[in-house]
Amino acid sequence: MNRNINYLIIGQGLAGSALAWELIQRGKSVMVYDEPKENRASAVAAGLFNPITGRVMTKTWKADELFPFLGRFYSTAGKTLAKFFFHSLPVYRPFISAEEMQQWKAKSKSQEIEKFVLKFYDNPSFVHQVINPYGGIEIAQSGYLNAGLWISSVRDFLKGHGFYAEEKFWEDALLVDNIIRYKEYTADKIIFCNGSAALQSKWFGWLPLKLLKGETLDVKIETKLKRIFNRGVYLVPAAGENMYKVGSTYQHAPFLEGPTPEAQEALKTKLAELITLPFDIIHQDWGIRPTSSDRRPILGPHPANKNVIIFNGLGTKGVSLSPYFAHQLADWLEGKGDLSTEVNIYRFKALYSE
């Protein structure tokens, strides 16, 4: 029996989950194809969101828009799904020198940064938990998303409404014309949110997506921490009592699949340089995240067919980027606005050739 839907969505990681949820809230019909066991990006998603990042601690791109939006998005979704996956929690970043402390004392008072600063510490603090001889800065509008719970909650919702197929999507079986046909489905548009698999796609393999491998540790600490520590590595609460996720390593291709002893040693060393608490390594995981050459998401229609669309390239910031840009993409799909030039696929159109 033929089934008519608005959108066929391929992939249900952070991008696919946010977009499917956004479209359903707008009353649209969707069908999501996904292989959870192949979704290696979500395996390393600690879910950290932090408006002040980087070695020199700068405001994240579009932080003023992204962070208020993601709070509303995940909180509202959590109430609807009756799941608690969104957690506001301050991030504490120790200073590594007196000079850095003084620089940030001045910088934290600037209009650009001030609203993201919860508290400034110019003396050692939380010394029973973290190594910070020069103090540190506590960052507001930060926290973590239990990414696994968020994705599984959306998946259960989709399954319960008949909007989900846990099977491989066969691109060769896709028929594209003025409408989209795949198996028993006829759709207005198809949206690829399938991460690294886009590199093997006949539609989007030409895009400058780069694969970034990350490895993380799950550790047990017999102390409940009231803040996220972040310097060299992050220490974020994870599923399970007294469990925390430590990460992440960053390795561009070529790389070996699977966890490595070198990454475990590097993460263990950096964690020991960050905290004073003893910890036990329980598990090591790895994943591959797609990022773009300019570190911006990629949204929009294929140059030769407006009904074939991509939502990809979120990199390491999928938790904070996916709600905002799912909303923007949904607006564009409904003819309510344009895609930002910074994320529009057409910035790479010169790379495409039929």
Protein backbone atom coordinates (compact mmCIF):
# COMPACT_ATOMS: atom_id res chain seq x y z
CA MET A 1 0.00 0.00 0.00
CA ASN A 2 1.37 3.41 -0.97
CA ARG A 3 1.82 5.91 1.87
CA ASN A 4 2.03 9.65 1.26
CA ILE A 5 4.15 11.67 3.68
CA ASN A 6 5.69 15.12 3.77
CA TYR A 7 9.29 14.19 4.56
CA LEU A 8 11.52 11.15 4.40
CA ILE A 9 14.41 11.57 6.87
CA ILE A 10 17.55 9.45 6.65
CA GLY A 11 19.46 9.15 9.93
CA GLN A 12 18.38 9.73 13.51
CA GLY A 13 21.41 11.13 15.26
CA LEU A 14 21.36 14.58 16.81
CA ALA A 15 20.47 16.29 13.51
CA GLY A 16 17.81 13.79 12.46
CA SER A 17 16.23 13.68 15.91
CA ALA A 18 15.95 17.46 16.19
CA LEU A 19 14.58 17.83 12.67
CA ALA A 20 12.06 15.00 12.97
CA TRP A 21 10.82 16.40 16.26
CA GLU A 22 10.60 19.95 14.91
CA LEU A 23 8.64 18.87 11.84
CA ILE A 24 6.24 16.68 13.83
CA GLN A 25 5.51 19.57 16.20
CA ARG A 26 4.49 21.55 13.11
CA GLY A 27 2.01 18.88 12.13
CA LYS A 28 4.09 17.36 9.33
CA SER A 29 4.24 13.66 8.53
CA VAL A 30 7.67 12.03 8.50
CA MET A 31 9.28 8.63 8.08
CA VAL A 32 12.73 8.11 9.56
CA TYR A 33 15.15 5.41 8.41
CA ASP A 34 18.02 4.69 10.79
CA GLU A 35 20.48 2.03 11.90
CA PRO A 36 21.24 2.82 15.57
CA LYS A 37 24.15 0.39 15.74
CA GLU A 38 25.83 2.24 12.86
CA ASN A 39 25.40 5.67 14.43
CA ARG A 40 28.94 6.08 15.66
CA ALA A 41 28.66 9.83 16.18
CA SER A 42 26.23 9.49 19.08
CA ALA A 43 28.61 7.05 20.80
CA VAL A 44 30.94 9.91 21.72
CA ALA A 45 28.31 12.55 22.37
CA ALA A 46 28.85 13.58 25.98
CA GLY A 47 26.19 16.19 25.35
CA LEU A 48 28.22 19.11 26.68
CA PHE A 49 27.02 22.56 25.67
CA ASN A 50 29.19 25.50 26.59
CA PRO A 51 29.01 29.07 25.23
CA ILE A 52 32.68 29.82 26.03
CA THR A 53 35.12 27.44 24.36
CA GLY A 54 38.56 27.04 22.83
CA ARG A 55 42.10 27.39 24.08
CA VAL A 56 41.78 31.16 24.34
CA MET A 57 38.21 30.90 25.68
CA THR A 58 36.10 32.78 23.17
CA LYS A 59 32.35 33.03 22.76
CA THR A 60 30.97 30.20 20.64
CA TRP A 61 29.72 31.13 17.17
CA LYS A 62 26.12 32.42 17.38
CA ALA A 63 26.05 31.79 21.14
CA ASP A 64 23.57 34.63 21.72
CA GLU A 65 21.00 32.86 19.53
CA LEU A 66 21.90 29.19 20.03
CA PHE A 67 21.94 28.84 23.80
CA PRO A 68 18.60 30.41 24.75
CA PHE A 69 17.02 28.43 21.90
CA LEU A 70 18.44 25.04 22.85
CA GLY A 71 17.26 25.44 26.44
CA ARG A 72 13.68 26.04 25.32
CA PHE A 73 13.81 23.30 22.70
CA TYR A 74 15.07 20.46 24.90
CA SER A 75 13.06 21.51 27.95
CA THR A 76 9.82 21.58 25.97
CA ALA A 77 10.59 18.26 24.29
CA GLY A 78 11.41 16.73 27.67
CA LYS A 79 8.02 17.72 29.08
CA THR A 80 6.22 16.29 26.07
CA LEU A 81 8.17 13.04 26.15
CA ALA A 82 8.14 12.86 29.97
CA LYS A 83 11.92 12.34 29.99
CA PHE A 84 14.64 14.25 31.84
CA PHE A 85 17.53 14.48 29.40
CA PHE A 86 18.34 18.22 29.57
CA HIS A 87 20.54 19.38 32.45
CA SER A 88 21.66 22.94 33.17
CA LEU A 89 24.97 22.82 35.00
CA PRO A 90 27.79 25.36 35.28
CA VAL A 91 31.10 24.64 33.59
CA TYR A 92 34.19 25.42 35.67
CA ARG A 93 37.37 26.17 33.72
CA PRO A 94 40.58 26.42 35.81
CA PHE A 95 43.20 29.00 34.86
CA ILE A 96 46.69 27.70 34.10
CA SER A 97 48.61 30.83 35.08
CA ALA A 98 48.32 34.10 36.96
CA GLU A 99 48.56 35.90 33.61
CA GLU A 100 45.58 34.00 32.22
CA MET A 101 43.61 34.74 35.37
CA GLN A 102 44.23 38.50 35.02
CA GLN A 103 43.38 38.44 31.31
CA TRP A 104 40.09 36.74 32.02
CA LYS A 105 39.30 38.96 34.95
CA ALA A 106 39.23 41.88 32.53
CA LYS A 107 37.60 39.97 29.69
CA SER A 108 34.78 38.62 31.88
CA LYS A 109 33.55 42.17 32.44
CA SER A 110 33.15 42.88 28.72
CA GLN A 111 29.61 43.24 27.40
CA GLU A 112 30.16 40.38 24.95
CA ILE A 113 31.16 37.84 27.61
CA GLU A 114 29.58 39.10 30.83
CA LYS A 115 26.19 37.40 30.46
CA PHE A 116 27.89 34.02 30.04
CA VAL A 117 29.96 34.36 33.23
CA LEU A 118 28.37 32.93 36.35
CA LYS A 119 31.24 33.62 38.72
CA PHE A 120 34.92 34.53 38.61
CA TYR A 121 37.38 32.93 41.03
CA ASP A 122 40.80 34.55 41.47
CA ASN A 123 41.83 32.07 44.18
CA PRO A 124 41.88 28.25 44.30
CA SER A 125 38.38 26.83 44.72
CA PHE A 126 36.83 23.37 44.98
CA VAL A 127 40.34 22.13 45.80
CA HIS A 128 39.00 18.79 47.05
CA GLN A 129 37.82 18.13 43.49
CA VAL A 130 39.82 20.11 40.93
CA ILE A 131 43.38 21.33 40.46
CA ASN A 132 43.20 25.11 40.10
CA PRO A 133 46.03 26.98 41.82
CA TYR A 134 45.13 30.20 40.00
CA GLY A 135 41.36 29.98 40.36
CA GLY A 136 39.03 29.71 37.40
CA ILE A 137 35.85 30.88 35.75
CA GLU A 138 32.37 29.42 36.08
CA ILE A 139 30.36 29.64 32.90
CA ALA A 140 26.60 30.19 32.73
CA GLN A 141 24.06 28.93 30.15
CA SER A 142 26.00 25.67 30.05
CA GLY A 143 25.28 22.05 30.92
CA TYR A 144 24.78 18.74 29.22
CA LEU A 145 22.22 16.77 27.29
CA ASN A 146 21.94 13.06 27.93
CA ALA A 147 22.27 12.51 24.20
CA GLY A 148 21.59 8.78 24.36
CA LEU A 149 18.36 9.30 26.28
CA TRP A 150 17.27 12.14 23.98
CA ILE A 151 17.83 10.08 20.84
CA SER A 152 16.23 6.93 22.26
CA SER A 153 13.24 8.94 23.54
CA VAL A 154 12.64 10.42 20.09
CA ARG A 155 13.12 6.97 18.56
CA ASP A 156 10.52 5.44 20.89
CA PHE A 157 8.11 8.25 20.05
CA LEU A 158 8.64 7.72 16.32
CA LYS A 159 8.19 3.96 16.66
CA GLY A 160 5.01 4.42 18.68
CA HIS A 161 3.49 6.50 15.89
CA GLY A 162 4.71 4.37 12.99
CA PHE A 163 7.23 6.99 11.87
CA TYR A 164 10.38 4.88 12.15
CA ALA A 165 12.09 2.04 10.26
CA GLU A 166 15.12 0.45 11.88
CA GLU A 167 16.77 -0.70 8.69
CA LYS A 168 19.39 0.26 6.17
CA PHE A 169 18.39 2.89 3.64
CA TRP A 170 19.24 1.82 0.10
CA GLU A 171 20.00 4.88 -1.96
CA ASP A 172 19.82 2.92 -5.23
CA ALA A 173 16.13 2.21 -4.51
CA LEU A 174 15.35 5.92 -4.24
CA LEU A 175 13.43 7.45 -7.15
CA VAL A 176 13.69 11.21 -7.45
CA ASP A 177 11.57 13.36 -9.72
CA ASN A 178 9.04 16.04 -8.84
CA ILE A 179 8.22 13.81 -5.87
CA ILE A 180 10.24 11.30 -3.87
CA ARG A 181 9.53 7.57 -4.05
CA TYR A 182 11.08 4.95 -1.80
CA LYS A 183 9.54 1.52 -1.26
CA GLU A 184 5.90 2.12 -0.29
CA TYR A 185 6.46 5.80 0.51
CA THR A 186 5.80 8.86 -1.59
CA ALA A 187 7.21 12.05 -0.07
CA ASP A 188 7.48 15.71 -0.93
CA LYS A 189 11.15 15.79 0.01
CA ILE A 190 13.93 13.61 1.37
CA ILE A 191 16.39 14.97 3.95
CA PHE A 192 19.73 13.28 4.56
CA CYS A 193 20.84 13.58 8.19
CA ASN A 194 23.09 10.53 8.02
CA GLY A 195 26.42 11.97 9.12
CA SER A 196 29.54 10.33 7.74
CA ALA A 197 27.49 8.12 5.39
CA ALA A 198 26.96 11.22 3.22
CA LEU A 199 30.51 10.79 1.95
CA GLN A 200 29.39 7.63 0.10
CA SER A 201 26.24 9.26 -1.24
CA LYS A 202 25.76 9.85 -4.96
CA TRP A 203 23.94 13.03 -3.97
CA PHE A 204 26.32 14.59 -1.46
CA GLY A 205 29.65 12.79 -1.77
CA TRP A 206 31.11 15.90 -3.42
CA LEU A 207 30.75 18.03 -0.29
CA PRO A 208 33.91 18.83 1.73
CA LEU A 209 32.85 16.84 4.77
CA LYS A 210 35.71 15.74 7.00
CA LEU A 211 35.58 12.84 9.40
CA LEU A 212 36.70 13.47 12.95
CA LYS A 213 37.29 10.50 15.23
CA GLY A 214 36.79 10.97 18.94
CA GLU A 215 37.42 8.64 21.85
CA THR A 216 35.95 8.93 25.34
CA LEU A 217 36.17 7.21 28.69
CA ASP A 218 33.40 6.34 31.12
CA VAL A 219 34.83 6.68 34.62
CA LYS A 220 33.45 6.16 38.10
CA ILE A 221 34.08 8.76 40.79
CA GLU A 222 32.70 8.26 44.28
CA THR A 223 31.65 11.91 44.54
CA LYS A 224 28.64 13.70 43.10
CA LEU A 225 29.93 16.75 41.27
CA LYS A 226 27.79 19.88 41.07
CA ARG A 227 29.60 21.37 38.10
CA ILE A 228 31.30 20.26 34.90
CA PHE A 229 35.08 20.56 34.92
CA ASN A 230 36.67 21.41 31.59
CA ARG A 231 40.34 21.96 30.88
CA GLY A 232 42.20 19.73 28.46
CA VAL A 233 39.34 17.26 28.84
CA TYR A 234 35.75 17.60 29.98
CA LEU A 235 34.22 15.68 32.88
CA VAL A 236 30.47 15.39 32.32
CA PRO A 237 27.88 13.34 34.25
CA ALA A 238 26.88 10.16 32.43
CA ALA A 239 24.22 7.49 32.81
CA GLY A 240 24.68 5.46 35.99
CA GLU A 241 25.39 6.34 39.60
CA ASN A 242 28.65 8.26 40.05
CA MET A 243 29.44 7.79 36.37
CA TYR A 244 31.11 10.47 34.26
CA LYS A 245 32.20 10.79 30.66
CA VAL A 246 35.70 12.06 29.89
CA GLY A 247 36.68 13.29 26.47
CA SER A 248 37.42 13.77 23.87
CA THR A 249 40.31 13.05 21.59
CA TYR A 250 40.23 14.55 18.10
CA GLN A 251 41.77 12.76 15.15
CA HIS A 252 41.29 13.51 11.48
CA ALA A 253 41.38 10.80 8.83
CA PRO A 254 43.13 8.52 8.20
CA PHE A 255 42.53 6.71 11.48
CA LEU A 256 41.92 3.22 12.79
CA GLU A 257 38.40 2.32 13.82
CA GLY A 258 37.85 1.24 17.40
CA PRO A 259 39.25 2.37 20.76
CA THR A 260 43.01 2.70 21.14
CA PRO A 261 45.32 2.38 24.18
CA GLU A 262 47.03 5.64 23.16
CA ALA A 263 43.78 7.58 23.48
CA GLN A 264 42.99 5.97 26.83
CA GLU A 265 46.39 6.94 28.19
CA ALA A 266 46.07 10.52 26.90
CA LEU A 267 42.60 10.98 28.40
CA LYS A 268 43.65 9.39 31.70
CA THR A 269 46.69 11.66 31.95
CA LYS A 270 44.70 14.81 31.20
CA LEU A 271 41.99 13.88 33.69
CA ALA A 272 44.62 13.32 36.40
CA GLU A 273 45.93 16.81 35.63
CA LEU A 274 42.44 18.27 36.03
CA ILE A 275 40.94 16.67 39.16
CA THR A 276 42.17 15.64 42.59
CA LEU A 277 39.64 12.82 42.94
CA PRO A 278 40.48 9.15 42.33
CA PHE A 279 38.68 7.53 39.42
CA ASP A 280 38.21 4.11 37.88
CA ILE A 281 38.00 3.60 34.13
CA ILE A 282 34.89 1.54 33.36
CA HIS A 283 34.60 1.73 29.59
CA GLN A 284 36.15 3.30 26.51
CA ASP A 285 34.19 4.29 23.42
CA TRP A 286 34.80 5.90 20.08
CA GLY A 287 32.84 7.53 17.30
CA ILE A 288 33.14 9.39 14.04
CA ARG A 289 31.64 12.83 13.64
CA PRO A 290 31.28 14.66 10.33
CA THR A 291 32.45 18.24 10.21
CA SER A 292 32.70 20.66 7.33
CA SER A 293 35.83 22.33 5.98
CA ASP A 294 34.74 25.70 7.41
CA ARG A 295 33.35 24.25 10.68
CA ARG A 296 29.80 25.27 9.90
CA PRO A 297 26.76 23.03 9.39
CA ILE A 298 25.62 22.25 5.87
CA LEU A 299 21.93 22.75 5.11
CA GLY A 300 19.91 22.94 1.96
CA PRO A 301 18.93 21.36 -1.35
CA HIS A 302 21.08 19.47 -3.80
CA PRO A 303 22.13 21.77 -6.68
CA ALA A 304 20.32 19.62 -9.26
CA ASN A 305 17.20 18.69 -7.30
CA LYS A 306 15.46 20.89 -4.74
CA ASN A 307 13.63 17.89 -3.25
CA VAL A 308 16.85 16.23 -2.04
CA ILE A 309 18.15 18.03 1.05
CA ILE A 310 21.02 17.70 3.50
CA PHE A 311 21.38 18.56 7.21
CA ASN A 312 24.91 17.60 8.21
CA GLY A 313 28.35 18.76 9.32
CA LEU A 314 27.50 19.59 12.95
CA GLY A 315 30.88 18.35 14.17
CA THR A 316 31.49 18.40 17.92
CA LYS A 317 28.71 20.91 18.66
CA GLY A 318 25.70 18.92 17.52
CA VAL A 319 23.86 19.34 20.82
CA SER A 320 23.87 23.12 20.58
CA LEU A 321 23.59 23.48 16.80
CA SER A 322 20.90 20.93 15.93
CA PRO A 323 17.82 22.56 17.57
CA TYR A 324 18.43 26.02 16.13
CA PHE A 325 19.20 24.86 12.61
CA ALA A 326 16.47 22.22 12.59
CA HIS A 327 14.09 25.10 13.28
CA GLN A 328 15.66 27.21 10.53
CA LEU A 329 15.53 24.34 8.05
CA ALA A 330 11.89 23.62 8.94
CA ASP A 331 11.04 27.29 8.36
CA TRP A 332 12.75 27.16 4.98
CA LEU A 333 10.91 23.97 4.03
CA GLU A 334 7.63 25.77 4.77
CA GLY A 335 8.67 28.83 2.75
CA LYS A 336 8.92 31.02 5.85
CA GLY A 337 12.52 32.15 5.56
CA ASP A 338 15.92 31.73 3.99
CA LEU A 339 18.83 29.56 5.08
CA SER A 340 21.72 31.55 6.53
CA THR A 341 24.51 32.05 4.02
CA GLU A 342 26.98 30.73 6.61
CA VAL A 343 25.34 27.29 6.58
CA ASN A 344 23.72 27.17 3.13
CA ILE A 345 24.96 24.32 0.94
CA TYR A 346 25.30 26.77 -1.94
CA ARG A 347 28.54 28.09 -0.46
CA PHE A 348 30.07 24.87 -1.85
CA LYS A 349 28.24 24.87 -5.19
CA ALA A 350 31.49 25.46 -7.10
CA LEU A 351 32.63 21.99 -6.02
CA TYR A 352 29.66 20.28 -7.66
CA SER A 353 29.72 18.92 -11.16
CA GLU A 354 27.13 16.73 -12.84
